[in-house]
Amino acid sequence: MAASYYYLIIPSVFGAFSILWRESGGKSKIFRIILSKNQDSALKLIQNTFSIACQSSNSTILHLVSLMQSFLSGKLVEFDLNLLAFETCSNFQQRVLIAENSIPRGWVSTYGRIGKYIGVNRGARAVGNALASNPFPIIIPCHRAIRSDRTLGGYQGGVEMKRALLEFEGIKISETGKVIVPRYYY
């Protein structure tokens, strides 16, 4: 049975985001989450990325949307990683995403520490690249990875969004953009 692809655009306090998923055998699998500034750019990104997808929703996706909106408003949320199509990621990226997902709320790690944890010494740049192309932002909390100098580094939704998500989790950030007294994981 062939898989069908769908998307849904959702407004949030940080701008619109899109969920791209596929249906196969009666199950939904998240293929990609795209963060954007507004609904028009979210739609263009989906159309440019996956032109065969149709707009739709279902109970699984609507529940996920509710959880994501709760998370984006600062609430503690646990996501079901079984919904994610990890097979779309390289083995290395899968290891990075799983390690990133293990960082508890209110903690951070550095790109280098994550690399070392997964067995790649001096892997900070590779880890950063894997997180920069994280197909599942928000669900995989890649905002919890920072640079070794304690500055925030990049984020698909922008540095302001990364800062806000960290602050929601109780992480303090100085006026110069450095994490203050971080609790490092790994």
C-alpha atoms as a PDB file:
ATOM      1  CA  MET A   1       0.000   0.000   0.000  1.00  0.00           C
ATOM      2  CA  ALA A   2       1.434   3.398  -0.985  1.00  0.00           C
ATOM      3  CA  ALA A   3       2.004   6.077   1.631  1.00  0.00           C
ATOM      4  CA  SER A   4       0.173   9.392   1.424  1.00  0.00           C
ATOM      5  CA  TYR A   5       1.814  12.645   2.525  1.00  0.00           C
ATOM      6  CA  TYR A   6       0.098  15.501   4.367  1.00  0.00           C
ATOM      7  CA  TYR A   7       0.870  18.774   6.078  1.00  0.00           C
ATOM      8  CA  LEU A   8      -0.701  21.084   8.596  1.00  0.00           C
ATOM      9  CA  ILE A   9       0.306  24.677   9.324  1.00  0.00           C
ATOM     10  CA  ILE A  10      -0.068  25.792  12.924  1.00  0.00           C
ATOM     11  CA  PRO A  11       0.256  29.281  14.402  1.00  0.00           C
ATOM     12  CA  SER A  12       2.279  29.660  17.605  1.00  0.00           C
ATOM     13  CA  VAL A  13       3.660  32.411  19.814  1.00  0.00           C
ATOM     14  CA  PHE A  14       6.936  32.073  17.852  1.00  0.00           C
ATOM     15  CA  GLY A  15       5.396  32.155  14.385  1.00  0.00           C
ATOM     16  CA  ALA A  16       3.914  29.413  12.270  1.00  0.00           C
ATOM     17  CA  PHE A  17       5.245  25.897  12.053  1.00  0.00           C
ATOM     18  CA  SER A  18       4.367  23.095   9.684  1.00  0.00           C
ATOM     19  CA  ILE A  19       4.112  19.407  10.317  1.00  0.00           C
ATOM     20  CA  LEU A  20       4.702  17.140   7.343  1.00  0.00           C
ATOM     21  CA  TRP A  21       3.685  13.528   7.851  1.00  0.00           C
ATOM     22  CA  ARG A  22       2.810  10.440   5.962  1.00  0.00           C
ATOM     23  CA  GLU A  23       0.061   7.930   6.424  1.00  0.00           C
ATOM     24  CA  SER A  24       0.855   4.298   5.824  1.00  0.00           C
ATOM     25  CA  GLY A  25      -1.043   1.318   7.089  1.00  0.00           C
ATOM     26  CA  GLY A  26      -3.311   3.552   9.150  1.00  0.00           C
ATOM     27  CA  LYS A  27      -0.407   5.084  11.108  1.00  0.00           C
ATOM     28  CA  SER A  28       0.955   8.629  11.056  1.00  0.00           C
ATOM     29  CA  LYS A  29       4.726   9.172  10.884  1.00  0.00           C
ATOM     30  CA  ILE A  30       6.187  12.656  11.225  1.00  0.00           C
ATOM     31  CA  PHE A  31       8.473  13.321   8.286  1.00  0.00           C
ATOM     32  CA  ARG A  32       9.442  16.904   9.061  1.00  0.00           C
ATOM     33  CA  ILE A  33       8.623  19.928  11.211  1.00  0.00           C
ATOM     34  CA  ILE A  34       9.396  23.277   9.636  1.00  0.00           C
ATOM     35  CA  LEU A  35       9.661  26.449  11.717  1.00  0.00           C
ATOM     36  CA  SER A  36       8.898  29.737   9.974  1.00  0.00           C
ATOM     37  CA  LYS A  37       7.973  33.333  10.693  1.00  0.00           C
ATOM     38  CA  ASN A  38       4.413  33.306   9.325  1.00  0.00           C
ATOM     39  CA  GLN A  39       1.797  31.104   7.692  1.00  0.00           C
ATOM     40  CA  ASP A  40       2.651  32.265   4.166  1.00  0.00           C
ATOM     41  CA  SER A  41       6.312  31.327   4.510  1.00  0.00           C
ATOM     42  CA  ALA A  42       5.317  28.051   6.221  1.00  0.00           C
ATOM     43  CA  LEU A  43       3.130  27.158   3.243  1.00  0.00           C
ATOM     44  CA  LYS A  44       5.857  28.102   0.733  1.00  0.00           C
ATOM     45  CA  LEU A  45       8.420  26.030   2.599  1.00  0.00           C
ATOM     46  CA  ILE A  46       6.136  22.991   2.562  1.00  0.00           C
ATOM     47  CA  GLN A  47       5.286  23.437  -1.112  1.00  0.00           C
ATOM     48  CA  ASN A  48       8.966  23.829  -2.020  1.00  0.00           C
ATOM     49  CA  THR A  49      10.081  20.946   0.183  1.00  0.00           C
ATOM     50  CA  PHE A  50       7.338  18.435  -0.543  1.00  0.00           C
ATOM     51  CA  SER A  51       5.031  19.545  -3.333  1.00  0.00           C
ATOM     52  CA  ILE A  52       2.941  16.343  -3.392  1.00  0.00           C
ATOM     53  CA  ALA A  53       1.682  16.789   0.185  1.00  0.00           C
ATOM     54  CA  CYS A  54      -1.949  17.776   0.807  1.00  0.00           C
ATOM     55  CA  GLN A  55      -3.271  19.798   3.718  1.00  0.00           C
ATOM     56  CA  SER A  56      -5.062  17.612   6.260  1.00  0.00           C
ATOM     57  CA  SER A  57      -5.187  16.550   9.895  1.00  0.00           C
ATOM     58  CA  ASN A  58      -6.190  13.614  12.030  1.00  0.00           C
ATOM     59  CA  SER A  59      -6.530  12.882  15.744  1.00  0.00           C
ATOM     60  CA  THR A  60      -2.873  11.824  16.136  1.00  0.00           C
ATOM     61  CA  ILE A  61      -1.610  15.004  14.482  1.00  0.00           C
ATOM     62  CA  LEU A  62      -4.045  17.251  16.360  1.00  0.00           C
ATOM     63  CA  HIS A  63      -2.920  15.711  19.665  1.00  0.00           C
ATOM     64  CA  LEU A  64       0.716  16.305  18.683  1.00  0.00           C
ATOM     65  CA  VAL A  65      -0.113  19.923  17.764  1.00  0.00           C
ATOM     66  CA  SER A  66      -1.688  20.416  21.193  1.00  0.00           C
ATOM     67  CA  LEU A  67       1.424  19.028  22.891  1.00  0.00           C
ATOM     68  CA  MET A  68       3.715  21.205  20.763  1.00  0.00           C
ATOM     69  CA  GLN A  69       1.722  24.354  21.554  1.00  0.00           C
ATOM     70  CA  SER A  70       1.862  23.482  25.266  1.00  0.00           C
ATOM     71  CA  PHE A  71       5.619  22.996  25.004  1.00  0.00           C
ATOM     72  CA  LEU A  72       6.008  26.329  23.199  1.00  0.00           C
ATOM     73  CA  SER A  73       4.151  28.052  26.028  1.00  0.00           C
ATOM     74  CA  GLY A  74       6.632  26.675  28.582  1.00  0.00           C
ATOM     75  CA  LYS A  75       4.825  23.592  29.860  1.00  0.00           C
ATOM     76  CA  LEU A  76       6.510  20.276  30.572  1.00  0.00           C
ATOM     77  CA  VAL A  77       5.618  17.889  27.758  1.00  0.00           C
ATOM     78  CA  GLU A  78       6.799  14.432  26.758  1.00  0.00           C
ATOM     79  CA  PHE A  79       6.624  13.521  23.088  1.00  0.00           C
ATOM     80  CA  ASP A  80       6.220  10.053  21.607  1.00  0.00           C
ATOM     81  CA  LEU A  81       9.354   9.514  19.517  1.00  0.00           C
ATOM     82  CA  ASN A  82       7.698   6.534  17.834  1.00  0.00           C
ATOM     83  CA  LEU A  83       5.822   9.071  15.701  1.00  0.00           C
ATOM     84  CA  LEU A  84       9.076  10.278  14.122  1.00  0.00           C
ATOM     85  CA  ALA A  85      10.407   8.947  10.819  1.00  0.00           C
ATOM     86  CA  PHE A  86      13.989   8.534  12.034  1.00  0.00           C
ATOM     87  CA  GLU A  87      14.702   6.479   8.936  1.00  0.00           C
ATOM     88  CA  THR A  88      14.912   9.774   7.022  1.00  0.00           C
ATOM     89  CA  CYS A  89      18.074  10.635   9.023  1.00  0.00           C
ATOM     90  CA  SER A  90      21.594   9.269   8.663  1.00  0.00           C
ATOM     91  CA  ASN A  91      22.799   6.902  11.375  1.00  0.00           C
ATOM     92  CA  PHE A  92      25.017   9.671  12.775  1.00  0.00           C
ATOM     93  CA  GLN A  93      22.158  12.175  12.884  1.00  0.00           C
ATOM     94  CA  GLN A  94      19.922   9.610  14.586  1.00  0.00           C
ATOM     95  CA  ARG A  95      22.567   9.137  17.319  1.00  0.00           C
ATOM     96  CA  VAL A  96      22.863  12.911  17.765  1.00  0.00           C
ATOM     97  CA  LEU A  97      19.075  13.390  17.932  1.00  0.00           C
ATOM     98  CA  ILE A  98      18.599  10.583  20.454  1.00  0.00           C
ATOM     99  CA  ALA A  99      21.429  11.988  22.619  1.00  0.00           C
ATOM    100  CA  GLU A 100      19.927  15.479  22.364  1.00  0.00           C
ATOM    101  CA  ASN A 101      16.502  14.163  23.306  1.00  0.00           C
ATOM    102  CA  SER A 102      17.988  12.634  26.475  1.00  0.00           C
ATOM    103  CA  ILE A 103      19.066  16.031  27.838  1.00  0.00           C
ATOM    104  CA  PRO A 104      16.566  16.781  30.622  1.00  0.00           C
ATOM    105  CA  ARG A 105      14.487  19.924  30.798  1.00  0.00           C
ATOM    106  CA  GLY A 106      16.450  22.651  32.565  1.00  0.00           C
ATOM    107  CA  TRP A 107      19.836  21.272  31.490  1.00  0.00           C
ATOM    108  CA  VAL A 108      22.103  22.018  28.532  1.00  0.00           C
ATOM    109  CA  SER A 109      24.985  20.296  26.829  1.00  0.00           C
ATOM    110  CA  THR A 110      27.572  21.516  24.370  1.00  0.00           C
ATOM    111  CA  TYR A 111      27.951  20.321  20.817  1.00  0.00           C
ATOM    112  CA  GLY A 112      31.352  18.908  21.802  1.00  0.00           C
ATOM    113  CA  ARG A 113      30.045  17.051  24.855  1.00  0.00           C
ATOM    114  CA  ILE A 114      27.316  15.452  22.763  1.00  0.00           C
ATOM    115  CA  GLY A 115      29.904  14.425  20.178  1.00  0.00           C
ATOM    116  CA  LYS A 116      32.118  12.886  22.837  1.00  0.00           C
ATOM    117  CA  TYR A 117      29.118  11.093  24.386  1.00  0.00           C
ATOM    118  CA  ILE A 118      28.269   9.407  21.057  1.00  0.00           C
ATOM    119  CA  GLY A 119      31.924   8.485  20.486  1.00  0.00           C
ATOM    120  CA  VAL A 120      33.027  11.277  18.159  1.00  0.00           C
ATOM    121  CA  ASN A 121      35.847  13.223  19.795  1.00  0.00           C
ATOM    122  CA  ARG A 122      36.209  16.701  18.342  1.00  0.00           C
ATOM    123  CA  GLY A 123      32.768  16.239  16.838  1.00  0.00           C
ATOM    124  CA  ALA A 124      31.293  19.602  17.836  1.00  0.00           C
ATOM    125  CA  ARG A 125      30.947  20.849  14.261  1.00  0.00           C
ATOM    126  CA  ALA A 126      29.412  17.592  13.033  1.00  0.00           C
ATOM    127  CA  VAL A 127      26.948  17.567  15.945  1.00  0.00           C
ATOM    128  CA  GLY A 128      26.071  21.207  15.258  1.00  0.00           C
ATOM    129  CA  ASN A 129      25.421  20.411  11.596  1.00  0.00           C
ATOM    130  CA  ALA A 130      23.264  17.404  12.514  1.00  0.00           C
ATOM    131  CA  LEU A 131      21.194  19.566  14.866  1.00  0.00           C
ATOM    132  CA  ALA A 132      20.987  22.440  12.347  1.00  0.00           C
ATOM    133  CA  SER A 133      19.206  20.059   9.988  1.00  0.00           C
ATOM    134  CA  ASN A 134      17.114  18.395  12.719  1.00  0.00           C
ATOM    135  CA  PRO A 135      13.917  17.400  10.890  1.00  0.00           C
ATOM    136  CA  PHE A 136      11.991  17.328  14.186  1.00  0.00           C
ATOM    137  CA  PRO A 137      12.636  20.618  16.042  1.00  0.00           C
ATOM    138  CA  ILE A 138      10.512  21.166  19.131  1.00  0.00           C
ATOM    139  CA  ILE A 139       9.921  17.411  19.521  1.00  0.00           C
ATOM    140  CA  ILE A 140      13.688  16.800  19.656  1.00  0.00           C
ATOM    141  CA  PRO A 141      14.738  19.684  21.952  1.00  0.00           C
ATOM    142  CA  CYS A 142      17.800  20.850  20.011  1.00  0.00           C
ATOM    143  CA  HIS A 143      17.588  24.219  21.783  1.00  0.00           C
ATOM    144  CA  ARG A 144      19.360  22.518  24.717  1.00  0.00           C
ATOM    145  CA  ALA A 145      22.695  22.338  22.838  1.00  0.00           C
ATOM    146  CA  ILE A 146      24.970  25.355  23.273  1.00  0.00           C
ATOM    147  CA  ARG A 147      28.510  26.308  22.312  1.00  0.00           C
ATOM    148  CA  SER A 148      31.426  25.486  24.601  1.00  0.00           C
ATOM    149  CA  ASP A 149      31.838  29.203  25.409  1.00  0.00           C
ATOM    150  CA  ARG A 150      28.260  29.081  26.818  1.00  0.00           C
ATOM    151  CA  THR A 151      26.793  31.218  24.005  1.00  0.00           C
ATOM    152  CA  LEU A 152      23.578  29.950  22.494  1.00  0.00           C
ATOM    153  CA  GLY A 153      24.644  29.015  18.974  1.00  0.00           C
ATOM    154  CA  GLY A 154      22.054  28.726  16.223  1.00  0.00           C
ATOM    155  CA  TYR A 155      18.509  27.446  16.088  1.00  0.00           C
ATOM    156  CA  GLN A 156      16.102  26.851  13.204  1.00  0.00           C
ATOM    157  CA  GLY A 157      13.485  29.091  14.818  1.00  0.00           C
ATOM    158  CA  GLY A 158      16.033  31.837  15.515  1.00  0.00           C
ATOM    159  CA  VAL A 159      18.169  32.695  18.524  1.00  0.00           C
ATOM    160  CA  GLU A 160      15.282  34.578  20.189  1.00  0.00           C
ATOM    161  CA  MET A 161      13.161  31.436  20.148  1.00  0.00           C
ATOM    162  CA  LYS A 162      16.060  29.325  21.479  1.00  0.00           C
ATOM    163  CA  ARG A 163      16.613  31.813  24.290  1.00  0.00           C
ATOM    164  CA  ALA A 164      12.900  31.849  25.196  1.00  0.00           C
ATOM    165  CA  LEU A 165      12.674  28.036  25.227  1.00  0.00           C
ATOM    166  CA  LEU A 166      15.714  27.798  27.510  1.00  0.00           C
ATOM    167  CA  GLU A 167      14.316  30.494  29.803  1.00  0.00           C
ATOM    168  CA  PHE A 168      10.977  28.622  29.950  1.00  0.00           C
ATOM    169  CA  GLU A 169      13.016  25.727  31.353  1.00  0.00           C
ATOM    170  CA  GLY A 170      14.586  27.899  34.056  1.00  0.00           C
ATOM    171  CA  ILE A 171      17.931  28.426  32.348  1.00  0.00           C
ATOM    172  CA  LYS A 172      19.275  31.922  32.929  1.00  0.00           C
ATOM    173  CA  ILE A 173      21.020  33.800  30.125  1.00  0.00           C
ATOM    174  CA  SER A 174      23.144  36.911  30.583  1.00  0.00           C
ATOM    175  CA  GLU A 175      22.673  40.161  28.677  1.00  0.00           C
ATOM    176  CA  THR A 176      25.692  39.150  26.595  1.00  0.00           C
ATOM    177  CA  GLY A 177      23.918  35.936  25.533  1.00  0.00           C
ATOM    178  CA  LYS A 178      25.770  33.417  27.691  1.00  0.00           C
ATOM    179  CA  VAL A 179      24.140  30.678  29.708  1.00  0.00           C
ATOM    180  CA  ILE A 180      24.679  31.457  33.403  1.00  0.00           C
ATOM    181  CA  VAL A 181      25.718  28.608  35.699  1.00  0.00           C
ATOM    182  CA  PRO A 182      24.609  25.888  33.328  1.00  0.00           C
ATOM    183  CA  ARG A 183      23.768  22.397  34.453  1.00  0.00           C
ATOM    184  CA  TYR A 184      25.674  20.396  31.865  1.00  0.00           C
ATOM    185  CA  TYR A 185      24.492  17.003  30.744  1.00  0.00           C
ATOM    186  CA  TYR A 186      27.071  14.479  29.460  1.00  0.00           C
END
